[in-house]
């Protein structure tokens, strides 16, 4: 059985500088990936949050909820709070209640 070796030897006859030139071209034309979605995300976040370096450091304010407020007090009332309650204060309140009731270990 005879094989056709003409294809396998065709690359051997080419000068080696042809492949080197091609690799040089590819290496000099590196494409830098720019994540436009990430840039847009950071810009929108900056608009939403604002420039934190410009904001003054506020002293911690007094808690809005009384230390004697119970979970039932919150559930039984449909009245809005007099002031907005910070997320940190509400999380602390709920964690304390859940610890007392054994729901959070």
PDB file of N, CA and C in Angstrom:
ATOM      1  N   UNK A   1       0.848  -1.166   0.000  1.00  0.00           N
ATOM      2  CA  UNK A   1       0.000   0.000   0.000  1.00  0.00           C
ATOM      3  C   UNK A   1       0.893   1.228   0.000  1.00  0.00           C
ATOM      4  N   UNK A   2       0.582   2.103  -0.916  1.00  0.00           N
ATOM      5  CA  UNK A   2       1.415   3.277  -1.090  1.00  0.00           C
ATOM      6  C   UNK A   2       0.765   4.476  -0.402  1.00  0.00           C
ATOM      7  N   UNK A   3       1.540   5.280   0.299  1.00  0.00           N
ATOM      8  CA  UNK A   3       0.991   6.473   0.955  1.00  0.00           C
ATOM      9  C   UNK A   3       1.479   7.709   0.252  1.00  0.00           C
ATOM     10  N   UNK A   4       0.705   8.716   0.313  1.00  0.00           N
ATOM     11  CA  UNK A   4       1.063   9.981  -0.318  1.00  0.00           C
ATOM     12  C   UNK A   4       1.755  10.846   0.727  1.00  0.00           C
ATOM     13  N   UNK A   5       3.046  10.979   0.628  1.00  0.00           N
ATOM     14  CA  UNK A   5       3.824  11.745   1.588  1.00  0.00           C
ATOM     15  C   UNK A   5       4.023  13.191   1.146  1.00  0.00           C
ATOM     16  N   UNK A   6       3.420  13.596   0.069  1.00  0.00           N
ATOM     17  CA  UNK A   6       3.658  14.953  -0.426  1.00  0.00           C
ATOM     18  C   UNK A   6       3.137  16.009   0.540  1.00  0.00           C
ATOM     19  N   UNK A   7       2.013  15.742   1.212  1.00  0.00           N
ATOM     20  CA  UNK A   7       1.475  16.704   2.167  1.00  0.00           C
ATOM     21  C   UNK A   7       2.323  16.792   3.426  1.00  0.00           C
ATOM     22  N   UNK A   8       2.826  15.687   3.862  1.00  0.00           N
ATOM     23  CA  UNK A   8       3.594  15.689   5.094  1.00  0.00           C
ATOM     24  C   UNK A   8       4.937  16.382   4.920  1.00  0.00           C
ATOM     25  N   UNK A   9       5.482  16.373   3.694  1.00  0.00           N
ATOM     26  CA  UNK A   9       6.774  16.991   3.460  1.00  0.00           C
ATOM     27  C   UNK A   9       6.657  18.425   2.960  1.00  0.00           C
ATOM     28  N   UNK A  10       5.462  18.885   2.655  1.00  0.00           N
ATOM     29  CA  UNK A  10       5.314  20.215   2.082  1.00  0.00           C
ATOM     30  C   UNK A  10       5.737  21.302   3.056  1.00  0.00           C
ATOM     31  N   UNK A  11       5.529  21.099   4.330  1.00  0.00           N
ATOM     32  CA  UNK A  11       5.918  22.087   5.328  1.00  0.00           C
ATOM     33  C   UNK A  11       7.423  22.047   5.596  1.00  0.00           C
ATOM     34  N   UNK A  12       8.020  20.914   5.364  1.00  0.00           N
ATOM     35  CA  UNK A  12       9.440  20.791   5.624  1.00  0.00           C
ATOM     36  C   UNK A  12      10.264  21.591   4.630  1.00  0.00           C
ATOM     37  N   UNK A  13       9.744  21.767   3.419  1.00  0.00           N
ATOM     38  CA  UNK A  13      10.479  22.471   2.395  1.00  0.00           C
ATOM     39  C   UNK A  13      10.395  23.983   2.551  1.00  0.00           C
ATOM     40  N   UNK A  14       9.465  24.472   3.374  1.00  0.00           N
ATOM     41  CA  UNK A  14       9.322  25.906   3.558  1.00  0.00           C
ATOM     42  C   UNK A  14      10.433  26.416   4.467  1.00  0.00           C
ATOM     43  N   UNK A  15      10.893  27.622   4.193  1.00  0.00           N
ATOM     44  CA  UNK A  15      11.920  28.170   5.081  1.00  0.00           C
ATOM     45  C   UNK A  15      11.349  28.385   6.471  1.00  0.00           C
ATOM     46  N   UNK A  16      12.177  28.232   7.467  1.00  0.00           N
ATOM     47  CA  UNK A  16      11.720  28.325   8.846  1.00  0.00           C
ATOM     48  C   UNK A  16      11.345  29.746   9.227  1.00  0.00           C
ATOM     49  N   UNK A  17      11.834  30.746   8.500  1.00  0.00           N
ATOM     50  CA  UNK A  17      11.537  32.119   8.866  1.00  0.00           C
ATOM     51  C   UNK A  17      10.086  32.499   8.587  1.00  0.00           C
ATOM     52  N   UNK A  18       9.381  31.755   7.751  1.00  0.00           N
ATOM     53  CA  UNK A  18       7.975  32.055   7.476  1.00  0.00           C
ATOM     54  C   UNK A  18       7.152  31.843   8.734  1.00  0.00           C
ATOM     55  N   UNK A  19       7.329  30.729   9.396  1.00  0.00           N
ATOM     56  CA  UNK A  19       6.569  30.474  10.615  1.00  0.00           C
ATOM     57  C   UNK A  19       6.999  31.416  11.725  1.00  0.00           C
ATOM     58  N   UNK A  20       8.268  31.769  11.788  1.00  0.00           N
ATOM     59  CA  UNK A  20       8.743  32.708  12.804  1.00  0.00           C
ATOM     60  C   UNK A  20       8.151  34.092  12.592  1.00  0.00           C
ATOM     61  N   UNK A  21       8.064  34.529  11.346  1.00  0.00           N
ATOM     62  CA  UNK A  21       7.473  35.839  11.060  1.00  0.00           C
ATOM     63  C   UNK A  21       6.011  35.880  11.477  1.00  0.00           C
ATOM     64  N   UNK A  22       5.298  34.811  11.224  1.00  0.00           N
ATOM     65  CA  UNK A  22       3.885  34.754  11.597  1.00  0.00           C
ATOM     66  C   UNK A  22       3.718  34.823  13.106  1.00  0.00           C
ATOM     67  N   UNK A  23       4.576  34.122  13.835  1.00  0.00           N
ATOM     68  CA  UNK A  23       4.460  34.149  15.294  1.00  0.00           C
ATOM     69  C   UNK A  23       4.853  35.508  15.847  1.00  0.00           C
ATOM     70  N   UNK A  24       5.799  36.188  15.210  1.00  0.00           N
ATOM     71  CA  UNK A  24       6.169  37.533  15.644  1.00  0.00           C
ATOM     72  C   UNK A  24       5.012  38.493  15.443  1.00  0.00           C
ATOM     73  N   UNK A  25       4.319  38.344  14.314  1.00  0.00           N
ATOM     74  CA  UNK A  25       3.169  39.206  14.030  1.00  0.00           C
ATOM     75  C   UNK A  25       2.084  39.014  15.070  1.00  0.00           C
ATOM     76  N   UNK A  26       1.805  37.795  15.395  1.00  0.00           N
ATOM     77  CA  UNK A  26       0.756  37.492  16.369  1.00  0.00           C
ATOM     78  C   UNK A  26       1.131  38.023  17.748  1.00  0.00           C
ATOM     79  N   UNK A  27       2.389  37.846  18.140  1.00  0.00           N
ATOM     80  CA  UNK A  27       2.791  38.266  19.474  1.00  0.00           C
ATOM     81  C   UNK A  27       2.819  39.781  19.616  1.00  0.00           C
ATOM     82  N   UNK A  28       3.089  40.509  18.538  1.00  0.00           N
ATOM     83  CA  UNK A  28       3.115  41.971  18.640  1.00  0.00           C
ATOM     84  C   UNK A  28       1.718  42.579  18.578  1.00  0.00           C
ATOM     85  N   UNK A  29       0.753  41.830  18.113  1.00  0.00           N
ATOM     86  CA  UNK A  29      -0.612  42.336  17.989  1.00  0.00           C
ATOM     87  C   UNK A  29      -1.495  41.759  19.091  1.00  0.00           C
ATOM     88  N   UNK A  30      -1.044  41.808  20.294  1.00  0.00           N
ATOM     89  CA  UNK A  30      -1.844  41.285  21.404  1.00  0.00           C
ATOM     90  C   UNK A  30      -3.049  42.180  21.613  1.00  0.00           C
ATOM     91  N   UNK A  31      -4.170  41.557  21.812  1.00  0.00           N
ATOM     92  CA  UNK A  31      -5.414  42.281  22.037  1.00  0.00           C
ATOM     93  C   UNK A  31      -5.631  42.404  23.537  1.00  0.00           C
ATOM     94  N   UNK A  32      -5.847  43.619  23.988  1.00  0.00           N
ATOM     95  CA  UNK A  32      -6.093  43.855  25.400  1.00  0.00           C
ATOM     96  C   UNK A  32      -7.596  43.793  25.621  1.00  0.00           C
ATOM     97  N   UNK A  33      -8.013  42.938  26.528  1.00  0.00           N
ATOM     98  CA  UNK A  33      -9.435  42.783  26.829  1.00  0.00           C
ATOM     99  C   UNK A  33      -9.893  43.907  27.753  1.00  0.00           C
ATOM    100  N   UNK A  34     -10.952  44.577  27.354  1.00  0.00           N
ATOM    101  CA  UNK A  34     -11.534  45.633  28.167  1.00  0.00           C
ATOM    102  C   UNK A  34     -12.946  45.193  28.521  1.00  0.00           C
ATOM    103  N   UNK A  35     -13.206  45.089  29.811  1.00  0.00           N
ATOM    104  CA  UNK A  35     -14.523  44.659  30.271  1.00  0.00           C
ATOM    105  C   UNK A  35     -15.411  45.893  30.423  1.00  0.00           C
ATOM    106  N   UNK A  36     -16.140  46.215  29.363  1.00  0.00           N
ATOM    107  CA  UNK A  36     -16.978  47.408  29.361  1.00  0.00           C
ATOM    108  C   UNK A  36     -18.130  47.293  30.351  1.00  0.00           C
ATOM    109  N   UNK A  37     -18.631  46.095  30.553  1.00  0.00           N
ATOM    110  CA  UNK A  37     -19.725  45.895  31.510  1.00  0.00           C
ATOM    111  C   UNK A  37     -19.263  46.194  32.931  1.00  0.00           C
ATOM    112  N   UNK A  38     -18.043  45.781  33.263  1.00  0.00           N
ATOM    113  CA  UNK A  38     -17.518  46.064  34.599  1.00  0.00           C
ATOM    114  C   UNK A  38     -17.305  47.566  34.801  1.00  0.00           C
ATOM    115  N   UNK A  39     -16.801  48.230  33.786  1.00  0.00           N
ATOM    116  CA  UNK A  39     -16.596  49.677  33.873  1.00  0.00           C
ATOM    117  C   UNK A  39     -17.932  50.377  34.088  1.00  0.00           C
ATOM    118  N   UNK A  40     -18.957  49.976  33.336  1.00  0.00           N
ATOM    119  CA  UNK A  40     -20.290  50.573  33.491  1.00  0.00           C
ATOM    120  C   UNK A  40     -20.855  50.276  34.871  1.00  0.00           C
ATOM    121  N   UNK A  41     -20.628  49.062  35.385  1.00  0.00           N
ATOM    122  CA  UNK A  41     -21.127  48.701  36.707  1.00  0.00           C
ATOM    123  C   UNK A  41     -20.510  49.599  37.780  1.00  0.00           C
ATOM    124  N   UNK A  42     -19.185  49.793  37.704  1.00  0.00           N
ATOM    125  CA  UNK A  42     -18.505  50.638  38.691  1.00  0.00           C
ATOM    126  C   UNK A  42     -18.997  52.086  38.598  1.00  0.00           C
ATOM    127  N   UNK A  43     -19.243  52.563  37.392  1.00  0.00           N
ATOM    128  CA  UNK A  43     -19.726  53.930  37.222  1.00  0.00           C
ATOM    129  C   UNK A  43     -21.124  54.093  37.829  1.00  0.00           C
ATOM    130  N   UNK A  44     -22.009  53.136  37.560  1.00  0.00           N
ATOM    131  CA  UNK A  44     -23.357  53.210  38.148  1.00  0.00           C
ATOM    132  C   UNK A  44     -23.311  53.091  39.657  1.00  0.00           C
ATOM    133  N   UNK A  45     -22.447  52.243  40.181  1.00  0.00           N
ATOM    134  CA  UNK A  45     -22.317  52.095  41.634  1.00  0.00           C
ATOM    135  C   UNK A  45     -21.817  53.395  42.254  1.00  0.00           C
ATOM    136  N   UNK A  46     -20.848  54.020  41.575  1.00  0.00           N
ATOM    137  CA  UNK A  46     -20.308  55.281  42.072  1.00  0.00           C
ATOM    138  C   UNK A  46     -21.397  56.361  42.092  1.00  0.00           C
ATOM    139  N   UNK A  47     -22.271  56.365  41.077  1.00  0.00           N
ATOM    140  CA  UNK A  47     -23.368  57.326  41.047  1.00  0.00           C
ATOM    141  C   UNK A  47     -24.368  57.044  42.166  1.00  0.00           C
ATOM    142  N   UNK A  48     -24.628  55.772  42.427  1.00  0.00           N
ATOM    143  CA  UNK A  48     -25.621  55.400  43.435  1.00  0.00           C
ATOM    144  C   UNK A  48     -25.093  55.637  44.849  1.00  0.00           C
ATOM    145  N   UNK A  49     -23.856  55.208  45.095  1.00  0.00           N
ATOM    146  CA  UNK A  49     -23.275  55.318  46.427  1.00  0.00           C
ATOM    147  C   UNK A  49     -22.764  56.730  46.684  1.00  0.00           C
ATOM    148  N   UNK A  50     -22.267  57.360  45.661  1.00  0.00           N
ATOM    149  CA  UNK A  50     -21.678  58.675  45.822  1.00  0.00           C
ATOM    150  C   UNK A  50     -20.206  58.551  46.150  1.00  0.00           C
ATOM    151  N   UNK A  51     -19.555  59.674  46.220  1.00  0.00           N
ATOM    152  CA  UNK A  51     -18.128  59.698  46.513  1.00  0.00           C
ATOM    153  C   UNK A  51     -17.950  59.659  48.024  1.00  0.00           C
ATOM    154  N   UNK A  52     -17.504  58.550  48.528  1.00  0.00           N
ATOM    155  CA  UNK A  52     -17.382  58.375  49.984  1.00  0.00           C
ATOM    156  C   UNK A  52     -16.297  59.245  50.589  1.00  0.00           C
ATOM    157  N   UNK A  53     -15.331  59.654  49.798  1.00  0.00           N
ATOM    158  CA  UNK A  53     -14.271  60.496  50.339  1.00  0.00           C
ATOM    159  C   UNK A  53     -14.804  61.894  50.654  1.00  0.00           C
ATOM    160  N   UNK A  54     -15.873  62.306  50.000  1.00  0.00           N
ATOM    161  CA  UNK A  54     -16.443  63.632  50.222  1.00  0.00           C
ATOM    162  C   UNK A  54     -17.404  63.661  51.407  1.00  0.00           C
ATOM    163  N   UNK A  55     -17.893  62.503  51.799  1.00  0.00           N
ATOM    164  CA  UNK A  55     -18.855  62.458  52.907  1.00  0.00           C
ATOM    165  C   UNK A  55     -18.131  62.592  54.233  1.00  0.00           C
ATOM    166  N   UNK A  56     -18.721  63.370  55.104  1.00  0.00           N
ATOM    167  CA  UNK A  56     -18.118  63.531  56.422  1.00  0.00           C
ATOM    168  C   UNK A  56     -18.440  62.318  57.285  1.00  0.00           C
ATOM    169  N   UNK A  57     -17.570  62.052  58.191  1.00  0.00           N
ATOM    170  CA  UNK A  57     -17.787  60.936  59.112  1.00  0.00           C
ATOM    171  C   UNK A  57     -18.794  61.385  60.166  1.00  0.00           C
ATOM    172  N   UNK A  58     -19.939  60.716  60.161  1.00  0.00           N
ATOM    173  CA  UNK A  58     -20.962  61.056  61.147  1.00  0.00           C
ATOM    174  C   UNK A  58     -20.757  60.244  62.414  1.00  0.00           C
ATOM    175  N   UNK A  59     -21.076  60.849  63.506  1.00  0.00           N
ATOM    176  CA  UNK A  59     -21.030  60.129  64.772  1.00  0.00           C
ATOM    177  C   UNK A  59     -22.199  59.148  64.795  1.00  0.00           C
ATOM    178  N   UNK A  60     -22.006  57.994  65.406  1.00  0.00           N
ATOM    179  CA  UNK A  60     -23.108  57.036  65.472  1.00  0.00           C
ATOM    180  C   UNK A  60     -24.304  57.661  66.189  1.00  0.00           C
ATOM    181  N   UNK A  61     -25.472  57.479  65.595  1.00  0.00           N
ATOM    182  CA  UNK A  61     -26.658  58.073  66.199  1.00  0.00           C
ATOM    183  C   UNK A  61     -27.302  57.100  67.180  1.00  0.00           C
ATOM    184  N   UNK A  62     -28.147  57.647  67.997  1.00  0.00           N
ATOM    185  CA  UNK A  62     -28.860  56.835  68.984  1.00  0.00           C
ATOM    186  C   UNK A  62     -29.805  55.879  68.271  1.00  0.00           C
ATOM    187  N   UNK A  63     -29.995  54.692  68.822  1.00  0.00           N
ATOM    188  CA  UNK A  63     -30.931  53.742  68.204  1.00  0.00           C
ATOM    189  C   UNK A  63     -32.345  54.320  68.163  1.00  0.00           C
ATOM    190  N   UNK A  64     -33.063  54.002  67.114  1.00  0.00           N
ATOM    191  CA  UNK A  64     -34.429  54.503  66.961  1.00  0.00           C
ATOM    192  C   UNK A  64     -35.392  53.632  67.762  1.00  0.00           C
ATOM    193  N   UNK A  65     -35.166  52.328  67.742  1.00  0.00           N
ATOM    194  CA  UNK A  65     -36.035  51.434  68.501  1.00  0.00           C
ATOM    195  C   UNK A  65     -35.594  51.419  69.959  1.00  0.00           C
ATOM    196  N   UNK A  66     -36.546  51.380  70.828  1.00  0.00           N
ATOM    197  CA  UNK A  66     -36.257  51.317  72.253  1.00  0.00           C
ATOM    198  C   UNK A  66     -35.685  49.945  72.590  1.00  0.00           C
ATOM    199  N   UNK A  67     -34.848  49.883  73.613  1.00  0.00           N
ATOM    200  CA  UNK A  67     -34.277  48.600  74.017  1.00  0.00           C
ATOM    201  C   UNK A  67     -35.346  47.652  74.539  1.00  0.00           C
ATOM    202  N   UNK A  68     -36.509  48.213  74.903  1.00  0.00           N
ATOM    203  CA  UNK A  68     -37.592  47.373  75.429  1.00  0.00           C
ATOM    204  C   UNK A  68     -38.578  46.943  74.342  1.00  0.00           C
ATOM    205  N   UNK A  69     -38.341  47.318  73.093  1.00  0.00           N
ATOM    206  CA  UNK A  69     -39.224  46.927  71.997  1.00  0.00           C
ATOM    207  C   UNK A  69     -39.151  45.413  71.818  1.00  0.00           C
ATOM    208  N   UNK A  70     -40.300  44.803  71.667  1.00  0.00           N
ATOM    209  CA  UNK A  70     -40.351  43.355  71.460  1.00  0.00           C
ATOM    210  C   UNK A  70     -40.742  43.055  70.022  1.00  0.00           C
ATOM    211  N   UNK A  71     -40.562  41.825  69.658  1.00  0.00           N
ATOM    212  CA  UNK A  71     -40.931  41.361  68.321  1.00  0.00           C
ATOM    213  C   UNK A  71     -42.435  41.538  68.114  1.00  0.00           C
ATOM    214  N   UNK A  72     -43.208  41.237  69.133  1.00  0.00           N
ATOM    215  CA  UNK A  72     -44.664  41.375  69.048  1.00  0.00           C
ATOM    216  C   UNK A  72     -45.062  42.839  68.843  1.00  0.00           C
ATOM    217  N   UNK A  73     -44.319  43.767  69.473  1.00  0.00           N
ATOM    218  CA  UNK A  73     -44.605  45.186  69.287  1.00  0.00           C
ATOM    219  C   UNK A  73     -44.499  45.562  67.808  1.00  0.00           C
ATOM    220  N   UNK A  74     -43.523  45.008  67.149  1.00  0.00           N
ATOM    221  CA  UNK A  74     -43.338  45.316  65.732  1.00  0.00           C
ATOM    222  C   UNK A  74     -44.410  44.663  64.873  1.00  0.00           C
ATOM    223  N   UNK A  75     -44.770  43.422  65.203  1.00  0.00           N
ATOM    224  CA  UNK A  75     -45.741  42.695  64.391  1.00  0.00           C
ATOM    225  C   UNK A  75     -47.168  43.193  64.577  1.00  0.00           C
ATOM    226  N   UNK A  76     -47.481  43.655  65.768  1.00  0.00           N
ATOM    227  CA  UNK A  76     -48.864  44.060  66.072  1.00  0.00           C
ATOM    228  C   UNK A  76     -49.169  45.485  65.631  1.00  0.00           C
ATOM    229  N   UNK A  77     -48.176  46.256  65.320  1.00  0.00           N
ATOM    230  CA  UNK A  77     -48.397  47.649  64.959  1.00  0.00           C
ATOM    231  C   UNK A  77     -48.306  47.819  63.450  1.00  0.00           C
ATOM    232  N   UNK A  78     -49.250  48.592  62.912  1.00  0.00           N
ATOM    233  CA  UNK A  78     -49.183  48.921  61.486  1.00  0.00           C
ATOM    234  C   UNK A  78     -48.724  50.364  61.288  1.00  0.00           C
ATOM    235  N   UNK A  79     -48.393  51.020  62.403  1.00  0.00           N
ATOM    236  CA  UNK A  79     -47.921  52.399  62.327  1.00  0.00           C
ATOM    237  C   UNK A  79     -46.491  52.429  61.795  1.00  0.00           C
ATOM    238  N   UNK A  80     -46.196  53.383  60.927  1.00  0.00           N
ATOM    239  CA  UNK A  80     -44.809  53.481  60.455  1.00  0.00           C
ATOM    240  C   UNK A  80     -43.904  54.021  61.560  1.00  0.00           C
ATOM    241  N   UNK A  81     -42.641  53.735  61.447  1.00  0.00           N
ATOM    242  CA  UNK A  81     -41.683  54.265  62.413  1.00  0.00           C
ATOM    243  C   UNK A  81     -41.575  55.771  62.230  1.00  0.00           C
ATOM    244  N   UNK A  82     -41.234  56.462  63.301  1.00  0.00           N
ATOM    245  CA  UNK A  82     -41.100  57.913  63.224  1.00  0.00           C
ATOM    246  C   UNK A  82     -39.915  58.305  62.344  1.00  0.00           C
ATOM    247  N   UNK A  83     -38.882  57.488  62.339  1.00  0.00           N
ATOM    248  CA  UNK A  83     -37.688  57.719  61.522  1.00  0.00           C
ATOM    249  C   UNK A  83     -37.315  56.398  60.860  1.00  0.00           C
ATOM    250  N   UNK A  84     -36.594  56.460  59.754  1.00  0.00           N
ATOM    251  CA  UNK A  84     -36.110  55.206  59.149  1.00  0.00           C
ATOM    252  C   UNK A  84     -35.157  54.498  60.101  1.00  0.00           C
ATOM    253  N   UNK A  85     -35.251  53.185  60.129  1.00  0.00           N
ATOM    254  CA  UNK A  85     -34.367  52.377  60.968  1.00  0.00           C
ATOM    255  C   UNK A  85     -33.266  51.826  60.082  1.00  0.00           C
ATOM    256  N   UNK A  86     -32.042  51.959  60.536  1.00  0.00           N
ATOM    257  CA  UNK A  86     -30.920  51.462  59.733  1.00  0.00           C
ATOM    258  C   UNK A  86     -30.966  49.939  59.661  1.00  0.00           C
ATOM    259  N   UNK A  87     -30.427  49.433  58.591  1.00  0.00           N
ATOM    260  CA  UNK A  87     -30.382  47.986  58.406  1.00  0.00           C
ATOM    261  C   UNK A  87     -29.591  47.328  59.529  1.00  0.00           C
ATOM    262  N   UNK A  88     -28.486  47.935  59.925  1.00  0.00           N
ATOM    263  CA  UNK A  88     -27.655  47.361  60.992  1.00  0.00           C
ATOM    264  C   UNK A  88     -28.436  47.261  62.304  1.00  0.00           C
ATOM    265  N   UNK A  89     -29.228  48.287  62.602  1.00  0.00           N
ATOM    266  CA  UNK A  89     -30.007  48.259  63.839  1.00  0.00           C
ATOM    267  C   UNK A  89     -31.081  47.169  63.782  1.00  0.00           C
ATOM    268  N   UNK A  90     -31.736  47.030  62.642  1.00  0.00           N
ATOM    269  CA  UNK A  90     -32.781  46.003  62.508  1.00  0.00           C
ATOM    270  C   UNK A  90     -32.172  44.603  62.570  1.00  0.00           C
ATOM    271  N   UNK A  91     -31.027  44.401  61.956  1.00  0.00           N
ATOM    272  CA  UNK A  91     -30.370  43.090  62.005  1.00  0.00           C
ATOM    273  C   UNK A  91     -29.979  42.754  63.436  1.00  0.00           C
ATOM    274  N   UNK A  92     -29.422  43.718  64.155  1.00  0.00           N
ATOM    275  CA  UNK A  92     -29.061  43.487  65.560  1.00  0.00           C
ATOM    276  C   UNK A  92     -30.295  43.120  66.384  1.00  0.00           C
ATOM    277  N   UNK A  93     -31.377  43.848  66.157  1.00  0.00           N
ATOM    278  CA  UNK A  93     -32.613  43.591  66.886  1.00  0.00           C
ATOM    279  C   UNK A  93     -33.117  42.170  66.618  1.00  0.00           C
ATOM    280  N   UNK A  94     -33.188  41.797  65.346  1.00  0.00           N
ATOM    281  CA  UNK A  94     -33.694  40.463  64.997  1.00  0.00           C
ATOM    282  C   UNK A  94     -32.773  39.357  65.498  1.00  0.00           C
ATOM    283  N   UNK A  95     -31.473  39.565  65.410  1.00  0.00           N
ATOM    284  CA  UNK A  95     -30.536  38.546  65.903  1.00  0.00           C
ATOM    285  C   UNK A  95     -30.701  38.353  67.403  1.00  0.00           C
ATOM    286  N   UNK A  96     -30.889  39.446  68.154  1.00  0.00           N
ATOM    287  CA  UNK A  96     -31.104  39.337  69.602  1.00  0.00           C
ATOM    288  C   UNK A  96     -32.377  38.557  69.911  1.00  0.00           C
ATOM    289  N   UNK A  97     -33.444  38.877  69.195  1.00  0.00           N
ATOM    290  CA  UNK A  97     -34.724  38.179  69.406  1.00  0.00           C
ATOM    291  C   UNK A  97     -34.569  36.695  69.078  1.00  0.00           C
ATOM    292  N   UNK A  98     -33.937  36.385  67.957  1.00  0.00           N
ATOM    293  CA  UNK A  98     -33.783  34.992  67.552  1.00  0.00           C
ATOM    294  C   UNK A  98     -32.897  34.232  68.525  1.00  0.00           C
ATOM    295  N   UNK A  99     -31.891  34.880  69.091  1.00  0.00           N
ATOM    296  CA  UNK A  99     -31.059  34.224  70.109  1.00  0.00           C
ATOM    297  C   UNK A  99     -31.892  33.905  71.344  1.00  0.00           C
ATOM    298  N   UNK A 100     -32.707  34.866  71.773  1.00  0.00           N
ATOM    299  CA  UNK A 100     -33.544  34.649  72.969  1.00  0.00           C
ATOM    300  C   UNK A 100     -34.522  33.497  72.763  1.00  0.00           C
ATOM    301  N   UNK A 101     -35.050  33.366  71.549  1.00  0.00           N
ATOM    302  CA  UNK A 101     -36.035  32.325  71.272  1.00  0.00           C
ATOM    303  C   UNK A 101     -35.396  31.017  70.836  1.00  0.00           C
ATOM    304  N   UNK A 102     -34.077  30.966  70.759  1.00  0.00           N
ATOM    305  CA  UNK A 102     -33.389  29.744  70.388  1.00  0.00           C
ATOM    306  C   UNK A 102     -33.473  29.424  68.907  1.00  0.00           C
ATOM    307  N   UNK A 103     -33.804  30.405  68.092  1.00  0.00           N
ATOM    308  CA  UNK A 103     -33.930  30.172  66.654  1.00  0.00           C
ATOM    309  C   UNK A 103     -32.638  30.415  65.900  1.00  0.00           C
ATOM    310  N   UNK A 104     -31.687  31.004  66.565  1.00  0.00           N
ATOM    311  CA  UNK A 104     -30.438  31.386  65.882  1.00  0.00           C
ATOM    312  C   UNK A 104     -29.274  30.925  66.744  1.00  0.00           C
ATOM    313  N   UNK A 105     -28.591  29.904  66.272  1.00  0.00           N
ATOM    314  CA  UNK A 105     -27.453  29.380  67.045  1.00  0.00           C
ATOM    315  C   UNK A 105     -26.170  29.604  66.336  1.00  0.00           C
TER     316      UNK A 105
END
